[in-house]
PDB file of N, CA and C in Angstrom:
ATOM      1  N   MET A   1     -85.241 -12.714 -14.581  1.00  0.00           N
ATOM      2  CA  MET A   1     -86.450 -12.741 -15.094  1.00  0.00           C
ATOM      3  C   MET A   1     -86.258 -11.571 -16.156  1.00  0.00           C
ATOM      4  N   CYS A   2     -84.985 -10.641 -16.152  1.00  0.00           N
ATOM      5  CA  CYS A   2     -84.549  -9.752 -17.126  1.00  0.00           C
ATOM      6  C   CYS A   2     -84.004 -10.827 -18.485  1.00  0.00           C
ATOM      7  N   LEU A   3     -83.627 -11.676 -18.211  1.00  0.00           N
ATOM      8  CA  LEU A   3     -82.848 -12.686 -19.294  1.00  0.00           C
ATOM      9  C   LEU A   3     -84.024 -13.442 -20.186  1.00  0.00           C
ATOM     10  N   GLY A   4     -85.095 -13.809 -18.998  1.00  0.00           N
ATOM     11  CA  GLY A   4     -86.317 -14.748 -19.836  1.00  0.00           C
ATOM     12  C   GLY A   4     -86.813 -13.685 -20.643  1.00  0.00           C
ATOM     13  N   LEU A   5     -87.325 -12.551 -20.350  1.00  0.00           N
ATOM     14  CA  LEU A   5     -87.822 -11.586 -21.051  1.00  0.00           C
ATOM     15  C   LEU A   5     -86.954 -10.991 -22.441  1.00  0.00           C
ATOM     16  N   GLY A   6     -85.758 -11.028 -22.001  1.00  0.00           N
ATOM     17  CA  GLY A   6     -85.036 -10.756 -23.238  1.00  0.00           C
ATOM     18  C   GLY A   6     -84.823 -11.952 -24.204  1.00  0.00           C
ATOM     19  N   SER A   7     -84.868 -12.992 -23.729  1.00  0.00           N
ATOM     20  CA  SER A   7     -84.881 -13.929 -24.637  1.00  0.00           C
ATOM     21  C   SER A   7     -86.381 -14.191 -25.494  1.00  0.00           C
ATOM     22  N   LEU A   8     -87.632 -14.281 -24.569  1.00  0.00           N
ATOM     23  CA  LEU A   8     -88.727 -13.981 -25.614  1.00  0.00           C
ATOM     24  C   LEU A   8     -88.873 -13.160 -26.661  1.00  0.00           C
ATOM     25  N   PHE A   9     -88.378 -11.803 -26.119  1.00  0.00           N
ATOM     26  CA  PHE A   9     -88.599 -10.994 -27.214  1.00  0.00           C
ATOM     27  C   PHE A   9     -87.521 -11.213 -28.425  1.00  0.00           C
ATOM     28  N   LEU A  10     -86.314 -11.744 -28.307  1.00  0.00           N
ATOM     29  CA  LEU A  10     -85.579 -12.068 -29.265  1.00  0.00           C
ATOM     30  C   LEU A  10     -86.465 -12.968 -29.963  1.00  0.00           C
ATOM     31  N   VAL A  11     -86.905 -14.219 -29.553  1.00  0.00           N
ATOM     32  CA  VAL A  11     -87.629 -15.037 -30.217  1.00  0.00           C
ATOM     33  C   VAL A  11     -88.392 -14.729 -30.931  1.00  0.00           C
ATOM     34  N   LEU A  12     -89.580 -13.575 -30.487  1.00  0.00           N
ATOM     35  CA  LEU A  12     -90.669 -13.151 -30.996  1.00  0.00           C
ATOM     36  C   LEU A  12     -89.959 -12.143 -32.365  1.00  0.00           C
ATOM     37  N   GLY A  13     -88.740 -11.380 -31.997  1.00  0.00           N
ATOM     38  CA  GLY A  13     -88.405 -10.832 -33.540  1.00  0.00           C
ATOM     39  C   GLY A  13     -88.016 -11.542 -34.222  1.00  0.00           C
ATOM     40  N   ALA A  14     -87.260 -12.715 -33.897  1.00  0.00           N
ATOM     41  CA  ALA A  14     -87.146 -13.752 -34.965  1.00  0.00           C
ATOM     42  C   ALA A  14     -88.158 -14.388 -35.837  1.00  0.00           C
ATOM     43  N   ILE A  15     -89.078 -14.303 -35.036  1.00  0.00           N
ATOM     44  CA  ILE A  15     -90.191 -15.054 -35.825  1.00  0.00           C
ATOM     45  C   ILE A  15     -91.045 -14.028 -36.779  1.00  0.00           C
ATOM     46  N   GLY A  16     -90.955 -12.592 -36.210  1.00  0.00           N
ATOM     47  CA  GLY A  16     -91.374 -11.615 -36.902  1.00  0.00           C
ATOM     48  C   GLY A  16     -90.432 -11.164 -38.315  1.00  0.00           C
ATOM     49  N   ALA A  17     -89.532 -11.788 -38.323  1.00  0.00           N
ATOM     50  CA  ALA A  17     -88.401 -11.469 -39.662  1.00  0.00           C
ATOM     51  C   ALA A  17     -88.803 -12.283 -40.578  1.00  0.00           C
ATOM     52  N   PHE A  18     -89.988 -13.427 -40.509  1.00  0.00           N
ATOM     53  CA  PHE A  18     -90.335 -14.408 -41.310  1.00  0.00           C
ATOM     54  C   PHE A  18     -91.702 -14.171 -41.690  1.00  0.00           C
ATOM     55  N   LEU A  19     -92.393 -13.486 -40.516  1.00  0.00           N
ATOM     56  CA  LEU A  19     -93.952 -13.306 -40.324  1.00  0.00           C
ATOM     57  C   LEU A  19     -94.503 -12.086 -40.617  1.00  0.00           C
ATOM     58  N   PRO A  20     -95.419 -11.341 -41.758  1.00  0.00           N
ATOM     59  CA  PRO A  20     -95.424 -10.000 -41.521  1.00  0.00           C
ATOM     60  C   PRO A  20     -96.282  -9.364 -40.484  1.00  0.00           C
ATOM     61  N   ILE A  21     -96.930 -10.448 -39.755  1.00  0.00           N
ATOM     62  CA  ILE A  21     -97.984  -9.984 -38.912  1.00  0.00           C
ATOM     63  C   ILE A  21     -97.149  -9.507 -37.192  1.00  0.00           C
ATOM     64  N   LEU A  22     -95.845 -10.149 -37.273  1.00  0.00           N
ATOM     65  CA  LEU A  22     -95.188  -9.499 -36.056  1.00  0.00           C
ATOM     66  C   LEU A  22     -94.018  -8.571 -36.109  1.00  0.00           C
ATOM     67  N   PRO A  23     -93.806  -7.406 -35.751  1.00  0.00           N
ATOM     68  CA  PRO A  23     -92.922  -6.300 -36.124  1.00  0.00           C
ATOM     69  C   PRO A  23     -91.378  -6.914 -35.312  1.00  0.00           C
ATOM     70  N   THR A  24     -90.704  -7.079 -36.324  1.00  0.00           N
ATOM     71  CA  THR A  24     -88.981  -7.466 -35.982  1.00  0.00           C
ATOM     72  C   THR A  24     -88.633  -6.235 -35.054  1.00  0.00           C
ATOM     73  N   THR A  25     -88.789  -5.002 -35.438  1.00  0.00           N
ATOM     74  CA  THR A  25     -87.695  -4.148 -34.567  1.00  0.00           C
ATOM     75  C   THR A  25     -87.704  -3.949 -33.184  1.00  0.00           C
ATOM     76  N   PRO A  26     -89.493  -3.427 -33.231  1.00  0.00           N
ATOM     77  CA  PRO A  26     -89.757  -3.300 -31.554  1.00  0.00           C
ATOM     78  C   PRO A  26     -89.517  -4.407 -30.777  1.00  0.00           C
ATOM     79  N   PHE A  27     -89.571  -5.858 -31.059  1.00  0.00           N
ATOM     80  CA  PHE A  27     -89.133  -7.171 -30.367  1.00  0.00           C
ATOM     81  C   PHE A  27     -87.682  -6.981 -29.982  1.00  0.00           C
ATOM     82  N   LEU A  28     -86.917  -6.432 -31.276  1.00  0.00           N
ATOM     83  CA  LEU A  28     -85.245  -6.552 -31.033  1.00  0.00           C
ATOM     84  C   LEU A  28     -85.044  -5.449 -29.951  1.00  0.00           C
ATOM     85  N   LEU A  29     -85.679  -4.658 -30.242  1.00  0.00           N
ATOM     86  CA  LEU A  29     -85.212  -3.668 -29.094  1.00  0.00           C
ATOM     87  C   LEU A  29     -85.439  -3.826 -27.729  1.00  0.00           C
ATOM     88  N   LEU A  30     -86.767  -4.270 -27.417  1.00  0.00           N
ATOM     89  CA  LEU A  30     -87.191  -4.833 -26.099  1.00  0.00           C
ATOM     90  C   LEU A  30     -86.206  -5.670 -25.418  1.00  0.00           C
ATOM     91  N   SER A  31     -85.779  -6.613 -26.529  1.00  0.00           N
ATOM     92  CA  SER A  31     -84.742  -7.946 -26.267  1.00  0.00           C
ATOM     93  C   SER A  31     -83.621  -7.057 -25.753  1.00  0.00           C
ATOM     94  N   ALA A  32     -82.989  -5.922 -26.342  1.00  0.00           N
ATOM     95  CA  ALA A  32     -81.930  -5.420 -26.144  1.00  0.00           C
ATOM     96  C   ALA A  32     -81.972  -4.793 -24.558  1.00  0.00           C
ATOM     97  N   TYR A  33     -83.100  -4.360 -24.332  1.00  0.00           N
ATOM     98  CA  TYR A  33     -83.231  -3.390 -23.271  1.00  0.00           C
ATOM     99  C   TYR A  33     -82.967  -4.487 -22.007  1.00  0.00           C
ATOM    100  N   PHE A  34     -83.739  -5.446 -21.917  1.00  0.00           N
ATOM    101  CA  PHE A  34     -83.782  -6.481 -21.153  1.00  0.00           C
ATOM    102  C   PHE A  34     -82.583  -7.393 -20.905  1.00  0.00           C
ATOM    103  N   PHE A  35     -81.707  -7.629 -22.017  1.00  0.00           N
ATOM    104  CA  PHE A  35     -80.517  -7.852 -22.011  1.00  0.00           C
ATOM    105  C   PHE A  35     -79.630  -7.201 -21.232  1.00  0.00           C
ATOM    106  N   ALA A  36     -79.711  -5.482 -21.489  1.00  0.00           N
ATOM    107  CA  ALA A  36     -78.524  -4.733 -21.124  1.00  0.00           C
ATOM    108  C   ALA A  36     -79.077  -4.732 -19.550  1.00  0.00           C
ATOM    109  N   THR A  37     -80.523  -5.099 -19.099  1.00  0.00           N
ATOM    110  CA  THR A  37     -80.495  -4.692 -17.545  1.00  0.00           C
ATOM    111  C   THR A  37     -80.153  -5.796 -17.163  1.00  0.00           C
ATOM    112  N   GLY A  38     -80.273  -7.071 -17.825  1.00  0.00           N
ATOM    113  CA  GLY A  38     -80.231  -8.041 -16.929  1.00  0.00           C
ATOM    114  C   GLY A  38     -78.771  -8.815 -17.060  1.00  0.00           C
ATOM    115  N   ASP A  39     -78.049  -8.573 -18.043  1.00  0.00           N
ATOM    116  CA  ASP A  39     -76.613  -9.022 -18.412  1.00  0.00           C
ATOM    117  C   ASP A  39     -75.751  -8.550 -19.520  1.00  0.00           C
ATOM    118  N   PRO A  40     -74.771  -7.881 -19.364  1.00  0.00           N
ATOM    119  CA  PRO A  40     -74.037  -7.110 -19.999  1.00  0.00           C
ATOM    120  C   PRO A  40     -73.440  -7.773 -21.216  1.00  0.00           C
ATOM    121  N   ARG A  41     -72.884  -9.018 -20.732  1.00  0.00           N
ATOM    122  CA  ARG A  41     -72.271  -9.937 -21.651  1.00  0.00           C
ATOM    123  C   ARG A  41     -73.305 -10.375 -22.903  1.00  0.00           C
ATOM    124  N   VAL A  42     -74.740 -10.769 -22.433  1.00  0.00           N
ATOM    125  CA  VAL A  42     -75.642 -11.035 -23.124  1.00  0.00           C
ATOM    126  C   VAL A  42     -76.154 -10.303 -24.322  1.00  0.00           C
ATOM    127  N   HIS A  43     -76.080  -8.876 -23.556  1.00  0.00           N
ATOM    128  CA  HIS A  43     -76.223  -7.694 -24.399  1.00  0.00           C
ATOM    129  C   HIS A  43     -75.151  -7.572 -25.849  1.00  0.00           C
ATOM    130  N   ALA A  44     -73.739  -7.673 -24.979  1.00  0.00           N
ATOM    131  CA  ALA A  44     -73.213  -7.569 -26.200  1.00  0.00           C
ATOM    132  C   ALA A  44     -72.968  -8.816 -27.304  1.00  0.00           C
ATOM    133  N   TRP A  45     -73.317  -9.594 -26.972  1.00  0.00           N
ATOM    134  CA  TRP A  45     -73.485 -10.840 -27.831  1.00  0.00           C
ATOM    135  C   TRP A  45     -74.712 -10.514 -28.767  1.00  0.00           C
ATOM    136  N   LEU A  46     -75.957  -9.784 -28.168  1.00  0.00           N
ATOM    137  CA  LEU A  46     -76.959  -9.464 -29.242  1.00  0.00           C
ATOM    138  C   LEU A  46     -76.494  -8.375 -30.014  1.00  0.00           C
ATOM    139  N   LEU A  47     -75.601  -7.314 -29.625  1.00  0.00           N
ATOM    140  CA  LEU A  47     -74.865  -6.523 -30.426  1.00  0.00           C
ATOM    141  C   LEU A  47     -74.240  -7.135 -31.561  1.00  0.00           C
ATOM    142  N   ASN A  48     -73.680  -8.438 -31.512  1.00  0.00           N
ATOM    143  CA  ASN A  48     -72.621  -8.770 -32.316  1.00  0.00           C
ATOM    144  C   ASN A  48     -73.532  -9.595 -33.526  1.00  0.00           C
ATOM    145  N   LEU A  49     -74.648  -9.978 -33.474  1.00  0.00           N
ATOM    146  CA  LEU A  49     -75.266 -10.818 -34.241  1.00  0.00           C
ATOM    147  C   LEU A  49     -75.490  -9.679 -35.481  1.00  0.00           C
ATOM    148  N   PRO A  50     -75.166 -10.240 -36.657  1.00  0.00           N
ATOM    149  CA  PRO A  50     -74.932  -9.313 -37.916  1.00  0.00           C
ATOM    150  C   PRO A  50     -76.309  -9.189 -38.312  1.00  0.00           C
ATOM    151  N   TRP A  51     -77.488  -9.743 -37.451  1.00  0.00           N
ATOM    152  CA  TRP A  51     -78.926  -9.341 -38.410  1.00  0.00           C
ATOM    153  C   TRP A  51     -79.215  -8.596 -37.279  1.00  0.00           C
ATOM    154  N   ALA A  52     -79.101  -8.389 -36.010  1.00  0.00           N
ATOM    155  CA  ALA A  52     -79.652  -7.695 -35.184  1.00  0.00           C
ATOM    156  C   ALA A  52     -78.724  -6.263 -34.729  1.00  0.00           C
ATOM    157  N   GLY A  53     -77.620  -6.984 -34.427  1.00  0.00           N
ATOM    158  CA  GLY A  53     -76.660  -5.812 -34.163  1.00  0.00           C
ATOM    159  C   GLY A  53     -77.029  -4.669 -34.643  1.00  0.00           C
ATOM    160  N   PRO A  54     -76.703  -4.240 -35.997  1.00  0.00           N
ATOM    161  CA  PRO A  54     -76.889  -3.113 -36.642  1.00  0.00           C
ATOM    162  C   PRO A  54     -78.095  -2.078 -36.176  1.00  0.00           C
ATOM    163  N   LEU A  55     -78.981  -2.722 -36.224  1.00  0.00           N
ATOM    164  CA  LEU A  55     -80.054  -1.954 -36.151  1.00  0.00           C
ATOM    165  C   LEU A  55     -80.209  -1.613 -34.634  1.00  0.00           C
ATOM    166  N   ILE A  56     -80.102  -2.362 -33.503  1.00  0.00           N
ATOM    167  CA  ILE A  56     -79.772  -2.110 -32.206  1.00  0.00           C
ATOM    168  C   ILE A  56     -79.041  -1.078 -31.924  1.00  0.00           C
ATOM    169  N   ARG A  57     -77.560  -1.065 -32.689  1.00  0.00           N
ATOM    170  CA  ARG A  57     -76.650  -0.141 -32.203  1.00  0.00           C
ATOM    171  C   ARG A  57     -77.068   1.154 -33.049  1.00  0.00           C
ATOM    172  N   GLU A  58     -77.902   0.985 -33.755  1.00  0.00           N
ATOM    173  CA  GLU A  58     -78.126   2.678 -34.472  1.00  0.00           C
ATOM    174  C   GLU A  58     -79.239   3.127 -33.452  1.00  0.00           C
ATOM    175  N   TRP A  59     -80.389   2.432 -32.746  1.00  0.00           N
ATOM    176  CA  TRP A  59     -81.306   2.859 -32.109  1.00  0.00           C
ATOM    177  C   TRP A  59     -80.813   3.222 -30.785  1.00  0.00           C
ATOM    178  N   GLU A  60     -79.607   2.422 -30.215  1.00  0.00           N
ATOM    179  CA  GLU A  60     -79.098   2.986 -28.993  1.00  0.00           C
ATOM    180  C   GLU A  60     -78.210   4.420 -29.133  1.00  0.00           C
ATOM    181  N   VAL A  61     -78.016   4.398 -30.027  1.00  0.00           N
ATOM    182  CA  VAL A  61     -77.305   5.880 -30.834  1.00  0.00           C
ATOM    183  C   VAL A  61     -78.229   6.827 -30.499  1.00  0.00           C
ATOM    184  N   THR A  62     -78.923   6.842 -31.557  1.00  0.00           N
ATOM    185  CA  THR A  62     -79.933   7.580 -32.235  1.00  0.00           C
ATOM    186  C   THR A  62     -81.526   7.872 -31.620  1.00  0.00           C
ATOM    187  N   ARG A  63     -81.797   6.892 -30.929  1.00  0.00           N
ATOM    188  CA  ARG A  63     -83.239   6.619 -30.536  1.00  0.00           C
ATOM    189  C   ARG A  63     -84.336   6.919 -31.645  1.00  0.00           C
ATOM    190  N   ALA A  64     -83.923   6.613 -32.691  1.00  0.00           N
ATOM    191  CA  ALA A  64     -84.582   6.479 -33.909  1.00  0.00           C
ATOM    192  C   ALA A  64     -84.325   5.204 -35.026  1.00  0.00           C
ATOM    193  N   ILE A  65     -85.063   5.092 -35.971  1.00  0.00           N
ATOM    194  CA  ILE A  65     -84.637   4.358 -37.206  1.00  0.00           C
ATOM    195  C   ILE A  65     -84.707   5.079 -38.365  1.00  0.00           C
ATOM    196  N   ARG A  66     -83.964   4.556 -39.375  1.00  0.00           N
ATOM    197  CA  ARG A  66     -83.995   5.322 -40.913  1.00  0.00           C
ATOM    198  C   ARG A  66     -85.382   5.478 -41.546  1.00  0.00           C
ATOM    199  N   ALA A  67     -85.629   6.521 -42.151  1.00  0.00           N
ATOM    200  CA  ALA A  67     -86.970   6.666 -42.845  1.00  0.00           C
ATOM    201  C   ALA A  67     -87.295   5.081 -43.719  1.00  0.00           C
ATOM    202  N   ARG A  68     -86.168   5.378 -44.461  1.00  0.00           N
ATOM    203  CA  ARG A  68     -86.101   4.122 -45.465  1.00  0.00           C
ATOM    204  C   ARG A  68     -86.314   2.610 -44.641  1.00  0.00           C
ATOM    205  N   VAL A  69     -85.769   2.452 -43.574  1.00  0.00           N
ATOM    206  CA  VAL A  69     -86.300   1.147 -42.928  1.00  0.00           C
ATOM    207  C   VAL A  69     -87.493   1.115 -42.694  1.00  0.00           C
ATOM    208  N   LYS A  70     -88.099   2.304 -41.895  1.00  0.00           N
ATOM    209  CA  LYS A  70     -89.727   2.351 -41.879  1.00  0.00           C
ATOM    210  C   LYS A  70     -90.593   1.788 -42.825  1.00  0.00           C
ATOM    211  N   TRP A  71     -90.130   2.594 -44.075  1.00  0.00           N
ATOM    212  CA  TRP A  71     -91.421   2.351 -45.071  1.00  0.00           C
ATOM    213  C   TRP A  71     -90.949   1.164 -46.050  1.00  0.00           C
ATOM    214  N   THR A  72     -89.816   0.577 -45.708  1.00  0.00           N
ATOM    215  CA  THR A  72     -89.708  -0.580 -46.486  1.00  0.00           C
ATOM    216  C   THR A  72     -90.389  -1.728 -45.489  1.00  0.00           C
ATOM    217  N   ALA A  73     -90.466  -1.706 -44.172  1.00  0.00           N
ATOM    218  CA  ALA A  73     -91.408  -2.632 -43.407  1.00  0.00           C
ATOM    219  C   ALA A  73     -93.065  -2.193 -43.658  1.00  0.00           C
ATOM    220  N   VAL A  74     -92.780  -1.004 -43.885  1.00  0.00           N
ATOM    221  CA  VAL A  74     -94.408  -0.766 -43.877  1.00  0.00           C
ATOM    222  C   VAL A  74     -95.008  -1.801 -45.466  1.00  0.00           C
ATOM    223  N   ALA A  75     -94.421  -1.281 -46.240  1.00  0.00           N
ATOM    224  CA  ALA A  75     -94.420  -1.728 -47.704  1.00  0.00           C
ATOM    225  C   ALA A  75     -94.663  -3.516 -47.593  1.00  0.00           C
ATOM    226  N   MET A  76     -93.364  -4.285 -46.763  1.00  0.00           N
ATOM    227  CA  MET A  76     -93.515  -5.262 -46.876  1.00  0.00           C
ATOM    228  C   MET A  76     -94.536  -5.655 -46.110  1.00  0.00           C
ATOM    229  N   VAL A  77     -95.070  -5.328 -45.217  1.00  0.00           N
ATOM    230  CA  VAL A  77     -96.440  -5.863 -44.234  1.00  0.00           C
ATOM    231  C   VAL A  77     -97.537  -5.576 -45.019  1.00  0.00           C
ATOM    232  N   LEU A  78     -97.475  -4.652 -45.866  1.00  0.00           N
ATOM    233  CA  LEU A  78     -98.500  -4.209 -47.060  1.00  0.00           C
ATOM    234  C   LEU A  78     -98.866  -5.537 -48.196  1.00  0.00           C
ATOM    235  N   VAL A  79     -97.824  -5.765 -48.723  1.00  0.00           N
ATOM    236  CA  VAL A  79     -97.792  -6.471 -49.661  1.00  0.00           C
ATOM    237  C   VAL A  79     -97.652  -8.057 -49.503  1.00  0.00           C
ATOM    238  N   THR A  80     -96.923  -8.571 -48.022  1.00  0.00           N
ATOM    239  CA  THR A  80     -97.453  -9.858 -47.487  1.00  0.00           C
ATOM    240  C   THR A  80     -98.942  -9.793 -46.929  1.00  0.00           C
ATOM    241  N   THR A  81     -99.524  -8.887 -46.702  1.00  0.00           N
ATOM    242  CA  THR A  81    -100.994  -8.755 -46.192  1.00  0.00           C
ATOM    243  C   THR A  81    -101.726  -9.506 -47.426  1.00  0.00           C
ATOM    244  N   GLY A  82    -101.664  -8.313 -48.187  1.00  0.00           N
ATOM    245  CA  GLY A  82    -102.435  -8.542 -49.770  1.00  0.00           C
ATOM    246  C   GLY A  82    -102.217  -9.856 -50.114  1.00  0.00           C
ATOM    247  N   ALA A  83    -101.114 -10.246 -50.270  1.00  0.00           N
ATOM    248  CA  ALA A  83    -100.843 -12.194 -50.519  1.00  0.00           C
ATOM    249  C   ALA A  83    -101.581 -12.880 -49.760  1.00  0.00           C
ATOM    250  N   SER A  84    -101.706 -12.459 -48.474  1.00  0.00           N
ATOM    251  CA  SER A  84    -102.164 -13.480 -47.910  1.00  0.00           C
ATOM    252  C   SER A  84    -104.038 -13.494 -47.810  1.00  0.00           C
ATOM    253  N   PHE A  85    -104.098 -12.249 -47.698  1.00  0.00           N
ATOM    254  CA  PHE A  85    -105.819 -12.203 -48.553  1.00  0.00           C
ATOM    255  C   PHE A  85    -105.927 -12.988 -49.936  1.00  0.00           C
ATOM    256  N   TYR A  86    -104.860 -12.975 -50.777  1.00  0.00           N
ATOM    257  CA  TYR A  86    -105.355 -13.473 -52.021  1.00  0.00           C
ATOM    258  C   TYR A  86    -105.356 -14.751 -52.002  1.00  0.00           C
ATOM    259  N   TRP A  87    -104.118 -15.593 -51.152  1.00  0.00           N
ATOM    260  CA  TRP A  87    -104.174 -16.755 -50.936  1.00  0.00           C
ATOM    261  C   TRP A  87    -105.393 -17.619 -49.880  1.00  0.00           C
ATOM    262  N   LEU A  88    -105.893 -16.697 -49.046  1.00  0.00           N
ATOM    263  CA  LEU A  88    -107.043 -16.899 -48.193  1.00  0.00           C
ATOM    264  C   LEU A  88    -108.331 -17.170 -49.201  1.00  0.00           C
ATOM    265  N   GLY A  89    -108.429 -16.160 -50.137  1.00  0.00           N
ATOM    266  CA  GLY A  89    -109.664 -16.514 -50.941  1.00  0.00           C
ATOM    267  C   GLY A  89    -110.561 -16.153 -50.216  1.00  0.00           C
ATOM    268  N   ASP A  90    -111.863 -16.889 -50.681  1.00  0.00           N
ATOM    269  CA  ASP A  90    -113.226 -16.552 -49.910  1.00  0.00           C
ATOM    270  C   ASP A  90    -113.373 -17.607 -48.473  1.00  0.00           C
ATOM    271  N   THR A  91    -112.364 -17.874 -47.919  1.00  0.00           N
ATOM    272  CA  THR A  91    -112.494 -18.715 -46.885  1.00  0.00           C
ATOM    273  C   THR A  91    -112.850 -18.116 -45.498  1.00  0.00           C
ATOM    274  N   ASN A  92    -112.418 -18.663 -44.426  1.00  0.00           N
ATOM    275  CA  ASN A  92    -112.978 -18.231 -42.973  1.00  0.00           C
ATOM    276  C   ASN A  92    -112.855 -16.699 -43.052  1.00  0.00           C
ATOM    277  N   MET A  93    -114.007 -15.709 -42.838  1.00  0.00           N
ATOM    278  CA  MET A  93    -114.001 -14.665 -42.768  1.00  0.00           C
ATOM    279  C   MET A  93    -113.338 -14.307 -40.872  1.00  0.00           C
ATOM    280  N   ARG A  94    -113.608 -15.019 -40.027  1.00  0.00           N
ATOM    281  CA  ARG A  94    -112.589 -14.454 -38.708  1.00  0.00           C
ATOM    282  C   ARG A  94    -110.889 -14.600 -39.075  1.00  0.00           C
ATOM    283  N   LEU A  95    -110.704 -15.451 -39.792  1.00  0.00           N
ATOM    284  CA  LEU A  95    -109.304 -15.280 -39.985  1.00  0.00           C
ATOM    285  C   LEU A  95    -108.772 -14.216 -40.773  1.00  0.00           C
ATOM    286  N   ARG A  96    -109.471 -13.928 -41.631  1.00  0.00           N
ATOM    287  CA  ARG A  96    -109.268 -12.274 -42.370  1.00  0.00           C
ATOM    288  C   ARG A  96    -109.837 -11.543 -41.468  1.00  0.00           C
ATOM    289  N   LEU A  97    -110.489 -10.937 -40.817  1.00  0.00           N
ATOM    290  CA  LEU A  97    -110.700 -10.130 -39.760  1.00  0.00           C
ATOM    291  C   LEU A  97    -109.186 -10.231 -38.899  1.00  0.00           C
ATOM    292  N   LEU A  98    -108.836 -11.319 -38.270  1.00  0.00           N
ATOM    293  CA  LEU A  98    -107.474 -11.208 -37.298  1.00  0.00           C
ATOM    294  C   LEU A  98    -106.655 -11.211 -37.915  1.00  0.00           C
ATOM    295  N   LEU A  99    -106.245 -11.480 -39.146  1.00  0.00           N
ATOM    296  CA  LEU A  99    -105.219 -11.220 -40.237  1.00  0.00           C
ATOM    297  C   LEU A  99    -105.094  -9.369 -40.375  1.00  0.00           C
ATOM    298  N   LEU A 100    -106.323  -9.119 -40.689  1.00  0.00           N
ATOM    299  CA  LEU A 100    -106.478  -7.712 -40.738  1.00  0.00           C
ATOM    300  C   LEU A 100    -106.074  -6.797 -39.198  1.00  0.00           C
ATOM    301  N   ALA A 101    -106.690  -7.159 -38.074  1.00  0.00           N
ATOM    302  CA  ALA A 101    -106.290  -6.452 -36.974  1.00  0.00           C
ATOM    303  C   ALA A 101    -104.934  -6.614 -36.623  1.00  0.00           C
ATOM    304  N   LEU A 102    -104.533  -7.668 -36.750  1.00  0.00           N
ATOM    305  CA  LEU A 102    -102.773  -7.754 -36.506  1.00  0.00           C
ATOM    306  C   LEU A 102    -101.901  -7.350 -37.229  1.00  0.00           C
ATOM    307  N   THR A 103    -102.235  -6.983 -38.494  1.00  0.00           N
ATOM    308  CA  THR A 103    -101.880  -6.367 -39.537  1.00  0.00           C
ATOM    309  C   THR A 103    -101.649  -4.834 -39.157  1.00  0.00           C
ATOM    310  N   ALA A 104    -103.404  -4.268 -38.747  1.00  0.00           N
ATOM    311  CA  ALA A 104    -103.185  -3.213 -38.043  1.00  0.00           C
ATOM    312  C   ALA A 104    -102.423  -2.656 -37.156  1.00  0.00           C
ATOM    313  N   ILE A 105    -102.227  -3.886 -35.858  1.00  0.00           N
ATOM    314  CA  ILE A 105    -101.536  -3.153 -35.024  1.00  0.00           C
ATOM    315  C   ILE A 105    -100.065  -3.356 -35.356  1.00  0.00           C
ATOM    316  N   GLY A 106     -99.488  -4.278 -35.842  1.00  0.00           N
ATOM    317  CA  GLY A 106     -98.168  -3.997 -36.665  1.00  0.00           C
ATOM    318  C   GLY A 106     -97.737  -2.993 -37.336  1.00  0.00           C
ATOM    319  N   LEU A 107     -98.611  -2.293 -37.819  1.00  0.00           N
ATOM    320  CA  LEU A 107     -98.367  -0.991 -38.849  1.00  0.00           C
ATOM    321  C   LEU A 107     -98.371   0.104 -38.090  1.00  0.00           C
ATOM    322  N   PHE A 108     -99.353   0.170 -36.611  1.00  0.00           N
ATOM    323  CA  PHE A 108     -99.390   1.167 -35.702  1.00  0.00           C
ATOM    324  C   PHE A 108     -97.749   1.374 -35.087  1.00  0.00           C
ATOM    325  N   VAL A 109     -97.432  -0.035 -34.735  1.00  0.00           N
ATOM    326  CA  VAL A 109     -96.430  -0.018 -34.046  1.00  0.00           C
ATOM    327  C   VAL A 109     -95.080   0.430 -35.019  1.00  0.00           C
ATOM    328  N   ILE A 110     -95.099   0.233 -35.993  1.00  0.00           N
ATOM    329  CA  ILE A 110     -93.978   0.350 -36.916  1.00  0.00           C
ATOM    330  C   ILE A 110     -93.839   2.136 -37.364  1.00  0.00           C
ATOM    331  N   ILE A 111     -94.869   2.685 -37.574  1.00  0.00           N
ATOM    332  CA  ILE A 111     -95.264   4.188 -37.646  1.00  0.00           C
ATOM    333  C   ILE A 111     -95.145   4.728 -36.582  1.00  0.00           C
ATOM    334  N   ARG A 112     -95.022   4.415 -35.387  1.00  0.00           N
ATOM    335  CA  ARG A 112     -95.014   5.304 -34.378  1.00  0.00           C
ATOM    336  C   ARG A 112     -93.647   5.028 -33.937  1.00  0.00           C
ATOM    337  N   LEU A 113     -92.918   4.655 -34.683  1.00  0.00           N
ATOM    338  CA  LEU A 113     -91.245   4.740 -34.252  1.00  0.00           C
ATOM    339  C   LEU A 113     -90.621   5.963 -34.747  1.00  0.00           C
ATOM    340  N   PRO A 114     -89.590   6.300 -33.572  1.00  0.00           N
ATOM    341  CA  PRO A 114     -89.463   7.983 -34.148  1.00  0.00           C
ATOM    342  C   PRO A 114     -88.531   7.422 -35.487  1.00  0.00           C
ATOM    343  N   THR A 115     -88.280   8.758 -36.413  1.00  0.00           N
ATOM    344  CA  THR A 115     -87.836   8.561 -37.570  1.00  0.00           C
ATOM    345  C   THR A 115     -86.511   9.511 -37.587  1.00  0.00           C
ATOM    346  N   ARG A 116     -85.126   8.996 -38.003  1.00  0.00           N
ATOM    347  CA  ARG A 116     -84.027   9.619 -37.718  1.00  0.00           C
ATOM    348  C   ARG A 116     -83.897  10.521 -38.955  1.00  0.00           C
ATOM    349  N   PRO A 117     -83.892  11.718 -38.672  1.00  0.00           N
ATOM    350  CA  PRO A 117     -83.785  12.664 -39.689  1.00  0.00           C
ATOM    351  C   PRO A 117     -82.585  12.621 -40.737  1.00  0.00           C
TER     352      PRO A 117
END
């Protein structure tokens, strides 16, 4: 069960690295939690990934992320959402509202993460 959830959150985190709607960091942290609970070997493998390991190790030590990382994530979400709105033009209003709602959820999650002093 834990390995399945860890894998699911790892995939969502990887997708979130490319889509501004999904926040990467919370999914990676959830993945690390479930892998640590389910199988320490898989958790060690996750910590050795070059794109995820440093972030997870920092979280496990400090239980916070750097302010620069947080505000860079917020800026990237806002820029890519703005670009998406521009490219959508005057198309489907439901799609625009969905994008706005998902952006708000993503920003809420990012901003609520504790910041390392």
